[in-house]
Amino acid sequence: MPSSPAFPAAAMCGQSRFGWFAVAGTGQAVMRVIIGHETESDLIVQLTTSENFVRDEESAPSLLRHAFDEIERYFDGEPVDLTAIPVATGPRTAFQKRVVQSLRQIGYGQTVSYAELAQRAGAPRAARAVGTVMSSNPLPLLIPCHRVVGAGGRLGGFSAPPGIELKRALLAMEAGEQPAVDQNRMHSTSVMLQGASS
């Protein structure tokens, strides 16, 4: 999990058929994506407590608005390419950076196994370490950890609520199937969050 920013970071929150989601960051990069919450209040609690952000009503920078719009289109079922959106992943080892870079190249509708991703990252025996990188992913969808599956196509885990059910639904949508989710989609709202001082 990345450390909280020491400077203002905006967040845009919205609701999709896959639940409430938020995109947080600055004018330079997206720092956090949160998906799959059942209620707006659960999402705000994570943003303001778990993530140590403080809510403030200001407008979000254009980069963040673009990222939010692209993720909203993704949730609507459009096969958008999210790889051009700059991300701030926080401190990572060289191996972790290679895993993230390799994973960002896995396109819409594709999956890769933990072992295959380890091999692409130059460490073919490090499938478990790849799983550790996936479990601490602060940027689901932008770093598409839902596209990493176990041997034989097992879904493995997914840290966003409601876990593996959401992973299954996202992969079904990307495969052109109708995912088993609520189709009601409400309007989005934007809020400004400011990183709390340490």
C-alpha atoms as a PDB file:
ATOM      1  CA  MET A   1       0.000   0.000   0.000  1.00  0.00           C
ATOM      2  CA  PRO A   2       1.454   3.402  -0.922  1.00  0.00           C
ATOM      3  CA  SER A   3       2.135   5.994   1.720  1.00  0.00           C
ATOM      4  CA  SER A   4      -0.273   8.894   1.929  1.00  0.00           C
ATOM      5  CA  PRO A   5       0.721  11.987  -0.024  1.00  0.00           C
ATOM      6  CA  ALA A   6       2.127  15.021   1.754  1.00  0.00           C
ATOM      7  CA  PHE A   7       0.463  17.329  -0.811  1.00  0.00           C
ATOM      8  CA  PRO A   8      -3.118  17.806  -2.055  1.00  0.00           C
ATOM      9  CA  ALA A   9      -4.465  14.804  -3.929  1.00  0.00           C
ATOM     10  CA  ALA A  10      -7.859  14.887  -5.598  1.00  0.00           C
ATOM     11  CA  ALA A  11     -10.277  12.004  -5.728  1.00  0.00           C
ATOM     12  CA  MET A  12     -13.281  11.448  -7.948  1.00  0.00           C
ATOM     13  CA  CYS A  13     -15.933   9.041  -6.728  1.00  0.00           C
ATOM     14  CA  GLY A  14     -18.707   7.375  -8.671  1.00  0.00           C
ATOM     15  CA  GLN A  15     -20.989   4.382  -8.917  1.00  0.00           C
ATOM     16  CA  SER A  16     -20.905   1.733 -11.609  1.00  0.00           C
ATOM     17  CA  ARG A  17     -22.692  -1.561 -12.092  1.00  0.00           C
ATOM     18  CA  PHE A  18     -19.669  -3.079 -10.298  1.00  0.00           C
ATOM     19  CA  GLY A  19     -20.102  -0.907  -7.204  1.00  0.00           C
ATOM     20  CA  TRP A  20     -18.759   2.389  -5.932  1.00  0.00           C
ATOM     21  CA  PHE A  21     -15.267   3.369  -7.072  1.00  0.00           C
ATOM     22  CA  ALA A  22     -12.742   6.154  -6.615  1.00  0.00           C
ATOM     23  CA  VAL A  23      -9.749   7.420  -8.552  1.00  0.00           C
ATOM     24  CA  ALA A  24      -7.242   9.526  -6.591  1.00  0.00           C
ATOM     25  CA  GLY A  25      -4.096  11.361  -7.588  1.00  0.00           C
ATOM     26  CA  THR A  26      -2.538  14.591  -8.751  1.00  0.00           C
ATOM     27  CA  GLY A  27      -2.080  16.386 -12.051  1.00  0.00           C
ATOM     28  CA  GLN A  28       0.957  14.181 -12.697  1.00  0.00           C
ATOM     29  CA  ALA A  29      -0.228  10.631 -11.923  1.00  0.00           C
ATOM     30  CA  VAL A  30      -2.981   8.450 -10.503  1.00  0.00           C
ATOM     31  CA  MET A  31      -1.989   7.249  -7.042  1.00  0.00           C
ATOM     32  CA  ARG A  32      -4.946   5.106  -6.014  1.00  0.00           C
ATOM     33  CA  VAL A  33      -7.922   3.315  -7.542  1.00  0.00           C
ATOM     34  CA  ILE A  34     -10.521   1.792  -5.241  1.00  0.00           C
ATOM     35  CA  ILE A  35     -13.273  -0.393  -6.714  1.00  0.00           C
ATOM     36  CA  GLY A  36     -16.137  -2.650  -5.721  1.00  0.00           C
ATOM     37  CA  HIS A  37     -17.602  -0.975  -2.642  1.00  0.00           C
ATOM     38  CA  GLU A  38     -21.281  -1.609  -1.991  1.00  0.00           C
ATOM     39  CA  THR A  39     -21.993   1.873  -0.626  1.00  0.00           C
ATOM     40  CA  GLU A  40     -20.631   5.360  -1.081  1.00  0.00           C
ATOM     41  CA  SER A  41     -20.078   5.631   2.668  1.00  0.00           C
ATOM     42  CA  ASP A  42     -17.851   2.513   2.663  1.00  0.00           C
ATOM     43  CA  LEU A  43     -15.816   4.046  -0.143  1.00  0.00           C
ATOM     44  CA  ILE A  44     -15.464   7.394   1.636  1.00  0.00           C
ATOM     45  CA  VAL A  45     -14.432   5.632   4.857  1.00  0.00           C
ATOM     46  CA  GLN A  46     -11.592   3.910   2.995  1.00  0.00           C
ATOM     47  CA  LEU A  47     -10.516   7.156   1.329  1.00  0.00           C
ATOM     48  CA  THR A  48     -10.575   9.208   4.510  1.00  0.00           C
ATOM     49  CA  THR A  49      -9.517   6.611   7.094  1.00  0.00           C
ATOM     50  CA  SER A  50      -7.646   3.671   5.611  1.00  0.00           C
ATOM     51  CA  GLU A  51      -5.957   5.861   3.016  1.00  0.00           C
ATOM     52  CA  ASN A  52      -5.513   8.765   5.461  1.00  0.00           C
ATOM     53  CA  PHE A  53      -7.031  11.362   3.114  1.00  0.00           C
ATOM     54  CA  VAL A  54      -9.059  14.353   4.280  1.00  0.00           C
ATOM     55  CA  ARG A  55     -12.080  15.395   2.215  1.00  0.00           C
ATOM     56  CA  ASP A  56     -12.176  18.892   0.740  1.00  0.00           C
ATOM     57  CA  GLU A  57     -14.534  20.249  -1.947  1.00  0.00           C
ATOM     58  CA  GLU A  58     -12.330  21.350  -4.839  1.00  0.00           C
ATOM     59  CA  SER A  59     -12.075  20.418  -8.499  1.00  0.00           C
ATOM     60  CA  ALA A  60      -9.875  17.576  -9.692  1.00  0.00           C
ATOM     61  CA  PRO A  61      -7.017  18.069 -12.208  1.00  0.00           C
ATOM     62  CA  SER A  62      -7.613  17.187 -15.870  1.00  0.00           C
ATOM     63  CA  LEU A  63      -5.419  14.062 -15.743  1.00  0.00           C
ATOM     64  CA  LEU A  64      -7.524  12.672 -12.923  1.00  0.00           C
ATOM     65  CA  ARG A  65     -10.759  13.561 -14.712  1.00  0.00           C
ATOM     66  CA  HIS A  66      -9.468  11.748 -17.808  1.00  0.00           C
ATOM     67  CA  ALA A  67      -8.548   8.652 -15.774  1.00  0.00           C
ATOM     68  CA  PHE A  68     -11.952   8.689 -14.068  1.00  0.00           C
ATOM     69  CA  ASP A  69     -13.762   9.007 -17.411  1.00  0.00           C
ATOM     70  CA  GLU A  70     -11.752   6.141 -18.918  1.00  0.00           C
ATOM     71  CA  ILE A  71     -12.453   3.884 -15.935  1.00  0.00           C
ATOM     72  CA  GLU A  72     -16.129   4.811 -16.118  1.00  0.00           C
ATOM     73  CA  ARG A  73     -16.125   3.820 -19.821  1.00  0.00           C
ATOM     74  CA  TYR A  74     -14.385   0.564 -18.871  1.00  0.00           C
ATOM     75  CA  PHE A  75     -17.119  -0.230 -16.336  1.00  0.00           C
ATOM     76  CA  ASP A  76     -19.699   0.518 -19.054  1.00  0.00           C
ATOM     77  CA  GLY A  77     -18.172  -2.307 -21.102  1.00  0.00           C
ATOM     78  CA  GLU A  78     -16.009  -0.354 -23.546  1.00  0.00           C
ATOM     79  CA  PRO A  79     -12.654  -2.033 -24.307  1.00  0.00           C
ATOM     80  CA  VAL A  80     -10.593   1.013 -23.315  1.00  0.00           C
ATOM     81  CA  ASP A  81      -6.803   1.010 -23.154  1.00  0.00           C
ATOM     82  CA  LEU A  82      -5.780   2.256 -19.705  1.00  0.00           C
ATOM     83  CA  THR A  83      -2.017   1.850 -20.217  1.00  0.00           C
ATOM     84  CA  ALA A  84      -1.391   5.476 -21.227  1.00  0.00           C
ATOM     85  CA  ILE A  85      -2.621   6.805 -17.880  1.00  0.00           C
ATOM     86  CA  PRO A  86       0.427   7.644 -15.736  1.00  0.00           C
ATOM     87  CA  VAL A  87       0.525   5.931 -12.356  1.00  0.00           C
ATOM     88  CA  ALA A  88       2.485   6.470  -9.149  1.00  0.00           C
ATOM     89  CA  THR A  89       3.048   3.070  -7.585  1.00  0.00           C
ATOM     90  CA  GLY A  90       5.120   4.154  -4.611  1.00  0.00           C
ATOM     91  CA  PRO A  91       8.445   2.609  -3.598  1.00  0.00           C
ATOM     92  CA  ARG A  92       9.038  -0.768  -5.248  1.00  0.00           C
ATOM     93  CA  THR A  93      11.923  -3.147  -5.795  1.00  0.00           C
ATOM     94  CA  ALA A  94      13.323  -3.643  -9.291  1.00  0.00           C
ATOM     95  CA  PHE A  95      11.468  -6.973  -9.507  1.00  0.00           C
ATOM     96  CA  GLN A  96       8.166  -5.414  -8.430  1.00  0.00           C
ATOM     97  CA  LYS A  97       8.590  -2.659 -11.037  1.00  0.00           C
ATOM     98  CA  ARG A  98       9.173  -5.268 -13.757  1.00  0.00           C
ATOM     99  CA  VAL A  99       6.054  -7.161 -12.659  1.00  0.00           C
ATOM    100  CA  VAL A 100       3.965  -3.968 -12.808  1.00  0.00           C
ATOM    101  CA  GLN A 101       5.390  -2.981 -16.211  1.00  0.00           C
ATOM    102  CA  SER A 102       4.762  -6.472 -17.602  1.00  0.00           C
ATOM    103  CA  LEU A 103       1.242  -6.578 -16.195  1.00  0.00           C
ATOM    104  CA  ARG A 104       0.301  -3.219 -17.707  1.00  0.00           C
ATOM    105  CA  GLN A 105       1.000  -4.788 -21.118  1.00  0.00           C
ATOM    106  CA  ILE A 106      -1.699  -7.465 -20.642  1.00  0.00           C
ATOM    107  CA  GLY A 107      -4.553  -6.156 -22.766  1.00  0.00           C
ATOM    108  CA  TYR A 108      -8.307  -6.058 -22.392  1.00  0.00           C
ATOM    109  CA  GLY A 109      -9.796  -9.555 -22.578  1.00  0.00           C
ATOM    110  CA  GLN A 110      -6.464 -11.307 -22.020  1.00  0.00           C
ATOM    111  CA  THR A 111      -5.260 -13.218 -18.973  1.00  0.00           C
ATOM    112  CA  VAL A 112      -1.872 -14.432 -17.836  1.00  0.00           C
ATOM    113  CA  SER A 113      -0.903 -16.908 -15.117  1.00  0.00           C
ATOM    114  CA  TYR A 114       1.207 -15.960 -12.113  1.00  0.00           C
ATOM    115  CA  ALA A 115       3.997 -18.151 -13.523  1.00  0.00           C
ATOM    116  CA  GLU A 116       3.776 -16.528 -16.975  1.00  0.00           C
ATOM    117  CA  LEU A 117       3.887 -13.058 -15.452  1.00  0.00           C
ATOM    118  CA  ALA A 118       6.917 -14.034 -13.362  1.00  0.00           C
ATOM    119  CA  GLN A 119       8.636 -15.220 -16.534  1.00  0.00           C
ATOM    120  CA  ARG A 120       7.779 -11.977 -18.378  1.00  0.00           C
ATOM    121  CA  ALA A 121       9.262 -10.076 -15.433  1.00  0.00           C
ATOM    122  CA  GLY A 122      12.514 -12.021 -15.778  1.00  0.00           C
ATOM    123  CA  ALA A 123      12.086 -14.263 -12.716  1.00  0.00           C
ATOM    124  CA  PRO A 124      10.473 -17.519 -13.923  1.00  0.00           C
ATOM    125  CA  ARG A 125      10.522 -19.164 -10.469  1.00  0.00           C
ATOM    126  CA  ALA A 126       8.891 -16.233  -8.686  1.00  0.00           C
ATOM    127  CA  ALA A 127       5.168 -16.961  -9.199  1.00  0.00           C
ATOM    128  CA  ARG A 128       4.459 -16.600  -5.456  1.00  0.00           C
ATOM    129  CA  ALA A 129       6.293 -13.278  -5.359  1.00  0.00           C
ATOM    130  CA  VAL A 130       4.102 -12.119  -8.257  1.00  0.00           C
ATOM    131  CA  GLY A 131       1.077 -13.009  -6.127  1.00  0.00           C
ATOM    132  CA  THR A 132       2.437 -10.827  -3.340  1.00  0.00           C
ATOM    133  CA  VAL A 133       2.807  -7.889  -5.744  1.00  0.00           C
ATOM    134  CA  MET A 134      -0.792  -8.422  -6.908  1.00  0.00           C
ATOM    135  CA  SER A 135      -2.159  -8.524  -3.353  1.00  0.00           C
ATOM    136  CA  SER A 136      -0.694  -5.087  -2.572  1.00  0.00           C
ATOM    137  CA  ASN A 137      -1.779  -3.416  -5.830  1.00  0.00           C
ATOM    138  CA  PRO A 138      -2.996   0.143  -5.108  1.00  0.00           C
ATOM    139  CA  LEU A 139      -4.194   0.652  -8.695  1.00  0.00           C
ATOM    140  CA  PRO A 140      -6.552  -2.125  -9.819  1.00  0.00           C
ATOM    141  CA  LEU A 141      -7.646  -1.747 -13.457  1.00  0.00           C
ATOM    142  CA  LEU A 142      -4.704   0.569 -14.236  1.00  0.00           C
ATOM    143  CA  ILE A 143      -2.419  -2.232 -13.066  1.00  0.00           C
ATOM    144  CA  PRO A 144      -4.854  -4.982 -14.111  1.00  0.00           C
ATOM    145  CA  CYS A 145      -4.258  -7.617 -11.434  1.00  0.00           C
ATOM    146  CA  HIS A 146      -7.697  -9.096 -12.186  1.00  0.00           C
ATOM    147  CA  ARG A 147      -6.153 -10.478 -15.403  1.00  0.00           C
ATOM    148  CA  VAL A 148      -3.705 -12.665 -13.465  1.00  0.00           C
ATOM    149  CA  VAL A 149      -5.033 -16.181 -12.888  1.00  0.00           C
ATOM    150  CA  GLY A 150      -3.739 -19.359 -11.327  1.00  0.00           C
ATOM    151  CA  ALA A 151      -2.582 -22.494 -13.081  1.00  0.00           C
ATOM    152  CA  GLY A 152      -5.278 -24.074 -15.221  1.00  0.00           C
ATOM    153  CA  GLY A 153      -7.288 -20.847 -15.279  1.00  0.00           C
ATOM    154  CA  ARG A 154      -8.166 -20.839 -11.555  1.00  0.00           C
ATOM    155  CA  LEU A 155      -9.159 -17.324 -10.608  1.00  0.00           C
ATOM    156  CA  GLY A 156      -6.904 -17.089  -7.552  1.00  0.00           C
ATOM    157  CA  GLY A 157      -7.551 -14.121  -5.287  1.00  0.00           C
ATOM    158  CA  PHE A 158      -8.640 -10.498  -5.656  1.00  0.00           C
ATOM    159  CA  SER A 159      -8.218  -7.935  -2.900  1.00  0.00           C
ATOM    160  CA  ALA A 160     -11.007  -5.537  -3.941  1.00  0.00           C
ATOM    161  CA  PRO A 161     -14.420  -6.128  -2.384  1.00  0.00           C
ATOM    162  CA  PRO A 162     -16.303  -8.398  -3.013  1.00  0.00           C
ATOM    163  CA  GLY A 163     -13.196 -10.353  -3.945  1.00  0.00           C
ATOM    164  CA  ILE A 164     -13.231 -13.143  -6.460  1.00  0.00           C
ATOM    165  CA  GLU A 165     -16.855 -12.422  -7.476  1.00  0.00           C
ATOM    166  CA  LEU A 166     -15.784  -9.026  -8.807  1.00  0.00           C
ATOM    167  CA  LYS A 167     -12.751 -10.534 -10.556  1.00  0.00           C
ATOM    168  CA  ARG A 168     -15.020 -13.094 -12.244  1.00  0.00           C
ATOM    169  CA  ALA A 169     -17.460 -10.362 -13.336  1.00  0.00           C
ATOM    170  CA  LEU A 170     -14.698  -8.136 -14.773  1.00  0.00           C
ATOM    171  CA  LEU A 171     -13.184 -11.026 -16.729  1.00  0.00           C
ATOM    172  CA  ALA A 172     -16.640 -12.038 -17.994  1.00  0.00           C
ATOM    173  CA  MET A 173     -17.281  -8.479 -19.195  1.00  0.00           C
ATOM    174  CA  GLU A 174     -13.909  -8.386 -20.966  1.00  0.00           C
ATOM    175  CA  ALA A 175     -14.721 -11.732 -22.624  1.00  0.00           C
ATOM    176  CA  GLY A 176     -17.909 -10.225 -24.057  1.00  0.00           C
ATOM    177  CA  GLU A 177     -20.221 -12.027 -21.652  1.00  0.00           C
ATOM    178  CA  GLN A 178     -22.911 -10.399 -19.551  1.00  0.00           C
ATOM    179  CA  PRO A 179     -21.480 -10.186 -16.017  1.00  0.00           C
ATOM    180  CA  ALA A 180     -23.767 -10.998 -13.109  1.00  0.00           C
ATOM    181  CA  VAL A 181     -23.882  -7.527 -11.534  1.00  0.00           C
ATOM    182  CA  ASP A 182     -26.395  -4.785 -10.823  1.00  0.00           C
ATOM    183  CA  GLN A 183     -26.989  -2.847 -14.047  1.00  0.00           C
ATOM    184  CA  ASN A 184     -28.159   0.339 -12.306  1.00  0.00           C
ATOM    185  CA  ARG A 185     -25.552   3.044 -12.617  1.00  0.00           C
ATOM    186  CA  MET A 186     -25.828   6.325 -10.760  1.00  0.00           C
ATOM    187  CA  HIS A 187     -24.190   9.670 -11.451  1.00  0.00           C
ATOM    188  CA  SER A 188     -20.628  10.354 -10.377  1.00  0.00           C
ATOM    189  CA  THR A 189     -19.459  13.024  -8.002  1.00  0.00           C
ATOM    190  CA  SER A 190     -16.072  14.558  -7.507  1.00  0.00           C
ATOM    191  CA  VAL A 191     -14.451  15.531  -4.251  1.00  0.00           C
ATOM    192  CA  MET A 192     -11.057  16.913  -3.391  1.00  0.00           C
ATOM    193  CA  LEU A 193      -9.027  15.009  -0.874  1.00  0.00           C
ATOM    194  CA  GLN A 194      -5.981  16.405   0.778  1.00  0.00           C
ATOM    195  CA  GLY A 195      -3.264  14.172   2.173  1.00  0.00           C
ATOM    196  CA  ALA A 196      -3.153  14.489   5.913  1.00  0.00           C
ATOM    197  CA  SER A 197       0.047  15.756   7.403  1.00  0.00           C
ATOM    198  CA  SER A 198       2.096  13.228   9.334  1.00  0.00           C
END
